[in-house]
Amino acid sequence: MAPYFESVKSFADVPLTNEGIETESFLEASDGLLQLFDLLGNGAVFGFVQSDIKGNIAGVRHRYESTREKSGTLEELVRSESGEPTKHATPSLTRLIRGLMFTCRALQNMQRDTSSELHACFKRSYDEVLRHHHTFIIRSVVYVAIRAVPRRSDFYERISQGGSHEKLNAELARWLEGLDKIVERMRHFLADGGYGRV
């Protein structure tokens, strides 16, 4: 099996223009993110995040496929839906950006703090990004699940698939830089337009 970053579309390759973030490429890169959670091992551990991300991708994709002429960018997609009485894609996109932000921050923590185990990086990210959206009971379940993530070294082996760790770190940094730009741009766009809060 090819190393993860050689087998999926990188967020660094999603076109960002003055008009916005290209919807089709963004959805393709988001699909690739789901495979990352498979590499974290035990499906039950991140099943809740993976399921949420998958459902939110489907919500955005449905809108994109039914209104392609008005949804070339994420921003256009949101604006075109804003005048409709029922909105499905915009809340899905808001939740998707939230899930992407959680993943991005966790992996940025992992790259910055090379001495921390993966569970500590994900817990830090959860506390920063998602904790305030969840009830006490959900937070308790999430903390138990986060403790079950693989060791940092095991995760690196799974994601590199036998490839070079140096190349993996370079590709991961590039992927995270692209993802971070998208997350920040959409977070501000949604909040500033009154469409949703990440």
Protein backbone atom coordinates (compact mmCIF):
# COMPACT_ATOMS: atom_id res chain seq x y z
CA MET A 1 0.00 0.00 0.00
CA ALA A 2 1.27 3.49 -0.90
CA PRO A 3 2.08 6.00 1.86
CA TYR A 4 -1.04 7.91 2.89
CA PHE A 5 -0.04 11.28 1.43
CA GLU A 6 0.75 9.70 -1.96
CA SER A 7 -2.69 8.08 -2.19
CA VAL A 8 -5.07 10.97 -1.36
CA LYS A 9 -5.64 14.50 -2.59
CA SER A 10 -3.78 16.97 -0.42
CA PHE A 11 -5.55 20.00 1.02
CA ALA A 12 -2.48 21.88 -0.24
CA ASP A 13 -3.67 21.13 -3.80
CA VAL A 14 -7.19 22.52 -3.33
CA PRO A 15 -7.41 25.71 -5.43
CA LEU A 16 -8.02 28.92 -3.43
CA THR A 17 -8.89 31.93 -5.58
CA ASN A 18 -10.48 35.34 -5.09
CA GLU A 19 -13.84 33.64 -5.74
CA GLY A 20 -13.22 31.12 -2.98
CA ILE A 21 -12.27 27.52 -2.26
CA GLU A 22 -13.01 25.11 -5.11
CA THR A 23 -15.81 22.83 -3.89
CA GLU A 24 -15.04 19.69 -5.89
CA SER A 25 -11.35 19.57 -4.90
CA PHE A 26 -12.22 20.34 -1.29
CA LEU A 27 -14.67 17.43 -1.18
CA GLU A 28 -12.08 15.10 -2.73
CA ALA A 29 -9.46 16.09 -0.12
CA SER A 30 -12.08 15.68 2.64
CA ASP A 31 -12.84 12.16 1.39
CA GLY A 32 -9.12 11.41 1.72
CA LEU A 33 -9.19 12.59 5.32
CA LEU A 34 -11.60 9.77 6.20
CA GLN A 35 -8.87 7.27 5.27
CA LEU A 36 -6.58 8.91 7.82
CA PHE A 37 -8.95 7.86 10.60
CA ASP A 38 -8.80 4.27 9.33
CA LEU A 39 -5.04 4.42 9.87
CA LEU A 40 -5.58 5.44 13.49
CA GLY A 41 -6.72 1.86 14.04
CA ASN A 42 -9.68 0.73 16.13
CA GLY A 43 -12.70 2.14 14.28
CA ALA A 44 -14.62 2.63 17.50
CA VAL A 45 -12.06 5.12 18.76
CA PHE A 46 -12.72 7.79 16.16
CA GLY A 47 -15.91 6.35 14.78
CA PHE A 48 -17.88 9.33 16.11
CA VAL A 49 -15.62 11.84 14.34
CA GLN A 50 -15.40 9.79 11.15
CA SER A 51 -19.17 9.31 11.02
CA ASP A 52 -19.77 13.03 11.62
CA ILE A 53 -17.28 14.05 8.93
CA LYS A 54 -18.71 11.53 6.45
CA GLY A 55 -22.27 12.77 7.03
CA ASN A 56 -21.23 16.39 6.67
CA ILE A 57 -19.28 15.70 3.46
CA ALA A 58 -22.45 14.04 2.11
CA GLY A 59 -24.53 17.12 3.03
CA VAL A 60 -22.17 19.48 1.20
CA ARG A 61 -21.77 17.09 -1.76
CA HIS A 62 -25.54 16.76 -2.20
CA ARG A 63 -25.90 20.54 -2.50
CA TYR A 64 -22.89 20.77 -4.83
CA GLU A 65 -24.19 18.04 -7.15
CA SER A 66 -27.71 19.45 -7.28
CA THR A 67 -26.63 23.09 -7.85
CA ARG A 68 -23.22 22.88 -9.54
CA GLU A 69 -23.71 26.14 -11.44
CA LYS A 70 -24.09 28.01 -8.13
CA SER A 71 -21.64 25.98 -6.05
CA GLY A 72 -18.25 26.11 -7.77
CA THR A 73 -16.69 27.41 -4.57
CA LEU A 74 -17.68 26.76 -0.98
CA GLU A 75 -18.45 30.44 -0.57
CA GLU A 76 -20.77 30.43 -3.60
CA LEU A 77 -22.47 27.29 -2.30
CA VAL A 78 -23.19 28.95 1.06
CA ARG A 79 -24.35 32.23 -0.49
CA SER A 80 -26.67 30.46 -2.94
CA GLU A 81 -28.29 28.51 -0.11
CA SER A 82 -28.63 31.52 2.21
CA GLY A 83 -31.82 32.78 0.56
CA GLU A 84 -33.61 29.44 0.87
CA PRO A 85 -36.00 28.70 3.75
CA THR A 86 -34.35 25.36 4.62
CA LYS A 87 -30.59 25.05 4.78
CA HIS A 88 -28.77 21.71 4.91
CA ALA A 89 -25.40 22.28 3.23
CA THR A 90 -24.36 25.31 5.28
CA PRO A 91 -24.80 23.61 8.70
CA SER A 92 -23.08 20.51 7.25
CA LEU A 93 -20.17 22.65 6.02
CA THR A 94 -19.90 24.41 9.39
CA ARG A 95 -19.69 21.07 11.23
CA LEU A 96 -17.28 19.69 8.62
CA ILE A 97 -14.94 22.67 9.04
CA ARG A 98 -15.14 22.09 12.81
CA GLY A 99 -14.10 18.43 12.37
CA LEU A 100 -11.31 19.41 9.99
CA MET A 101 -10.10 22.03 12.46
CA PHE A 102 -10.02 19.40 15.24
CA THR A 103 -7.93 17.06 13.08
CA CYS A 104 -5.67 19.85 11.85
CA ARG A 105 -4.91 21.15 15.35
CA ALA A 106 -4.24 17.62 16.68
CA LEU A 107 -1.73 16.85 13.92
CA GLN A 108 -0.14 20.30 14.23
CA ASN A 109 0.29 19.57 17.95
CA MET A 110 1.91 16.24 17.01
CA GLN A 111 4.36 17.92 14.64
CA ARG A 112 5.25 20.76 17.01
CA ASP A 113 5.57 18.67 20.16
CA THR A 114 7.59 15.65 19.09
CA SER A 115 7.79 14.32 22.65
CA SER A 116 4.00 14.09 23.17
CA GLU A 117 2.05 10.94 22.52
CA LEU A 118 -0.79 11.13 20.02
CA HIS A 119 -3.56 10.94 22.64
CA ALA A 120 -2.21 14.10 24.33
CA CYS A 121 -2.17 15.93 20.98
CA PHE A 122 -5.76 14.91 20.22
CA LYS A 123 -6.94 15.81 23.74
CA ARG A 124 -5.41 19.28 23.45
CA SER A 125 -7.14 19.77 20.11
CA TYR A 126 -10.46 18.44 21.40
CA ASP A 127 -10.37 20.83 24.37
CA GLU A 128 -9.63 23.76 22.05
CA VAL A 129 -12.03 23.00 19.19
CA LEU A 130 -14.87 20.66 20.13
CA ARG A 131 -15.23 20.41 23.89
CA HIS A 132 -17.49 23.46 24.26
CA HIS A 133 -19.91 22.00 21.68
CA HIS A 134 -20.50 18.82 23.71
CA THR A 135 -22.33 17.86 26.89
CA PHE A 136 -20.54 16.43 29.91
CA ILE A 137 -21.55 12.88 28.96
CA ILE A 138 -20.24 13.19 25.39
CA ARG A 139 -17.02 14.77 26.65
CA SER A 140 -16.49 11.81 29.00
CA VAL A 141 -16.96 9.33 26.17
CA VAL A 142 -14.62 11.29 23.91
CA TYR A 143 -11.87 11.40 26.55
CA VAL A 144 -12.03 7.62 26.95
CA ALA A 145 -11.90 7.18 23.15
CA ILE A 146 -8.94 9.54 22.79
CA ARG A 147 -6.95 7.51 25.33
CA ALA A 148 -7.25 4.53 22.96
CA VAL A 149 -5.49 6.11 19.96
CA PRO A 150 -2.33 4.30 18.88
CA ARG A 151 1.11 5.23 20.07
CA ARG A 152 2.79 7.95 18.05
CA SER A 153 5.36 5.53 16.58
CA ASP A 154 2.63 3.07 15.51
CA PHE A 155 0.65 5.85 13.83
CA TYR A 156 3.75 6.99 11.92
CA GLU A 157 4.34 3.44 10.71
CA ARG A 158 0.73 3.12 9.52
CA ILE A 159 0.67 6.46 7.74
CA SER A 160 4.09 6.08 6.09
CA GLN A 161 3.40 2.48 4.95
CA GLY A 162 7.13 1.75 5.07
CA GLY A 163 8.14 5.04 3.42
CA SER A 164 10.57 7.60 4.76
CA HIS A 165 9.58 9.46 7.94
CA GLU A 166 11.35 12.58 6.66
CA LYS A 167 9.25 12.58 3.50
CA LEU A 168 6.15 11.90 5.59
CA ASN A 169 6.87 14.90 7.84
CA ALA A 170 7.37 17.16 4.81
CA GLU A 171 4.13 15.97 3.17
CA LEU A 172 2.23 16.22 6.45
CA ALA A 173 3.47 19.79 6.98
CA ARG A 174 2.36 20.72 3.45
CA TRP A 175 -1.06 19.00 3.93
CA LEU A 176 -1.58 20.75 7.28
CA GLU A 177 -0.60 24.14 5.89
CA GLY A 178 -3.18 23.75 3.12
CA LEU A 179 -5.83 22.49 5.54
CA ASP A 180 -5.15 25.29 8.02
CA LYS A 181 -5.58 27.94 5.29
CA ILE A 182 -8.92 26.43 4.26
CA VAL A 183 -10.17 26.08 7.84
CA GLU A 184 -9.24 29.63 8.77
CA ARG A 185 -10.66 31.13 5.59
CA MET A 186 -13.98 29.27 5.99
CA ARG A 187 -14.16 29.89 9.73
CA HIS A 188 -13.98 33.66 9.15
CA PHE A 189 -16.27 33.57 6.11
CA LEU A 190 -19.00 31.65 7.99
CA ALA A 191 -18.76 33.82 11.10
CA ASP A 192 -18.49 37.17 9.30
CA GLY A 193 -21.46 36.36 7.06
CA GLY A 194 -23.59 35.12 9.95
CA TYR A 195 -23.80 31.67 8.34
CA GLY A 196 -22.44 29.67 11.27
CA ARG A 197 -19.82 29.47 14.01
CA VAL A 198 -17.03 26.93 13.87
